[in-house]
Amino acid sequence: MSTFGRPELVLMTKLDPAKPLGIASTQKVMEALKLQGFYLQVPPPPENLLEQHKAQLKAAS
């Protein structure tokens, strides 16, 4: 709690397993809500274009 501070409601939505979410699967979110009481979504890590380029060069050799 000291890291995140006082919790506050940000979003309320109806989850429908038939309708996809942006990044996470609806099933994964529903499971986390049942087990933990919350679902925390963080942005994906930035792409490391240099490492991707090195891997492509290595594969082409």
C-alpha atoms as a PDB file:
ATOM      1  CA  MET A   1       0.000   0.000   0.000  1.00  0.00           C
ATOM      2  CA  SER A   2       2.891   2.367   0.642  1.00  0.00           C
ATOM      3  CA  THR A   3       4.066   1.908  -2.953  1.00  0.00           C
ATOM      4  CA  PHE A   4       0.730   2.378  -4.699  1.00  0.00           C
ATOM      5  CA  GLY A   5      -1.077   4.593  -2.211  1.00  0.00           C
ATOM      6  CA  ARG A   6      -4.763   4.583  -1.356  1.00  0.00           C
ATOM      7  CA  PRO A   7      -6.751   2.494  -3.875  1.00  0.00           C
ATOM      8  CA  GLU A   8      -9.485   4.210  -5.849  1.00  0.00           C
ATOM      9  CA  LEU A   9     -12.031   2.958  -8.352  1.00  0.00           C
ATOM     10  CA  VAL A  10     -10.890   3.766 -11.871  1.00  0.00           C
ATOM     11  CA  LEU A  11     -12.978   1.629 -14.190  1.00  0.00           C
ATOM     12  CA  MET A  12     -16.049  -0.547 -13.985  1.00  0.00           C
ATOM     13  CA  THR A  13     -16.973  -2.740 -16.933  1.00  0.00           C
ATOM     14  CA  LYS A  14     -18.993  -5.843 -17.671  1.00  0.00           C
ATOM     15  CA  LEU A  15     -16.753  -8.749 -18.643  1.00  0.00           C
ATOM     16  CA  ASP A  16     -18.091 -11.078 -21.296  1.00  0.00           C
ATOM     17  CA  PRO A  17     -15.967 -14.125 -22.239  1.00  0.00           C
ATOM     18  CA  ALA A  18     -17.300 -13.840 -25.796  1.00  0.00           C
ATOM     19  CA  LYS A  19     -15.913 -10.300 -26.214  1.00  0.00           C
ATOM     20  CA  PRO A  20     -12.125  -9.859 -26.369  1.00  0.00           C
ATOM     21  CA  LEU A  21     -10.196  -7.295 -24.363  1.00  0.00           C
ATOM     22  CA  GLY A  22      -7.248  -5.266 -25.614  1.00  0.00           C
ATOM     23  CA  ILE A  23      -4.165  -7.056 -24.297  1.00  0.00           C
ATOM     24  CA  ALA A  24      -5.215  -9.706 -21.744  1.00  0.00           C
ATOM     25  CA  SER A  25      -7.693 -12.491 -22.275  1.00  0.00           C
ATOM     26  CA  THR A  26     -11.071 -12.066 -20.605  1.00  0.00           C
ATOM     27  CA  GLN A  27     -10.644 -15.450 -18.932  1.00  0.00           C
ATOM     28  CA  LYS A  28      -7.288 -14.413 -17.423  1.00  0.00           C
ATOM     29  CA  VAL A  29      -8.792 -11.186 -16.037  1.00  0.00           C
ATOM     30  CA  MET A  30     -11.822 -12.993 -14.586  1.00  0.00           C
ATOM     31  CA  GLU A  31      -9.563 -15.600 -12.936  1.00  0.00           C
ATOM     32  CA  ALA A  32      -7.380 -12.920 -11.345  1.00  0.00           C
ATOM     33  CA  LEU A  33     -10.461 -11.099 -10.052  1.00  0.00           C
ATOM     34  CA  LYS A  34     -11.775 -14.279  -8.439  1.00  0.00           C
ATOM     35  CA  LEU A  35      -8.439 -15.314  -6.902  1.00  0.00           C
ATOM     36  CA  GLN A  36      -6.884 -11.950  -5.990  1.00  0.00           C
ATOM     37  CA  GLY A  37      -9.788  -9.528  -6.052  1.00  0.00           C
ATOM     38  CA  PHE A  38      -8.041  -7.320  -8.605  1.00  0.00           C
ATOM     39  CA  TYR A  39      -6.307  -7.393 -11.984  1.00  0.00           C
ATOM     40  CA  LEU A  40      -3.239  -5.260 -12.582  1.00  0.00           C
ATOM     41  CA  GLN A  41      -2.347  -4.532 -16.192  1.00  0.00           C
ATOM     42  CA  VAL A  42       0.986  -2.956 -16.981  1.00  0.00           C
ATOM     43  CA  PRO A  43       2.182  -1.808 -20.407  1.00  0.00           C
ATOM     44  CA  PRO A  44       4.269  -4.281 -22.408  1.00  0.00           C
ATOM     45  CA  PRO A  45       8.024  -3.709 -22.327  1.00  0.00           C
ATOM     46  CA  PRO A  46       9.425  -1.532 -25.117  1.00  0.00           C
ATOM     47  CA  GLU A  47      10.749  -3.317 -28.173  1.00  0.00           C
ATOM     48  CA  ASN A  48      14.519  -3.704 -28.260  1.00  0.00           C
ATOM     49  CA  LEU A  49      15.084  -3.010 -31.948  1.00  0.00           C
ATOM     50  CA  LEU A  50      18.872  -3.387 -31.669  1.00  0.00           C
ATOM     51  CA  GLU A  51      18.545  -6.918 -30.288  1.00  0.00           C
ATOM     52  CA  GLN A  52      15.989  -7.803 -32.978  1.00  0.00           C
ATOM     53  CA  HIS A  53      18.359  -6.522 -35.660  1.00  0.00           C
ATOM     54  CA  LYS A  54      21.293  -8.493 -34.212  1.00  0.00           C
ATOM     55  CA  ALA A  55      19.163 -11.661 -34.152  1.00  0.00           C
ATOM     56  CA  GLN A  56      18.155 -11.148 -37.790  1.00  0.00           C
ATOM     57  CA  LEU A  57      21.794 -10.653 -38.805  1.00  0.00           C
ATOM     58  CA  LYS A  58      22.829 -13.766 -36.915  1.00  0.00           C
ATOM     59  CA  ALA A  59      20.027 -15.819 -38.522  1.00  0.00           C
ATOM     60  CA  ALA A  60      21.015 -14.612 -41.989  1.00  0.00           C
ATOM     61  CA  SER A  61      24.650 -15.718 -41.482  1.00  0.00           C
END
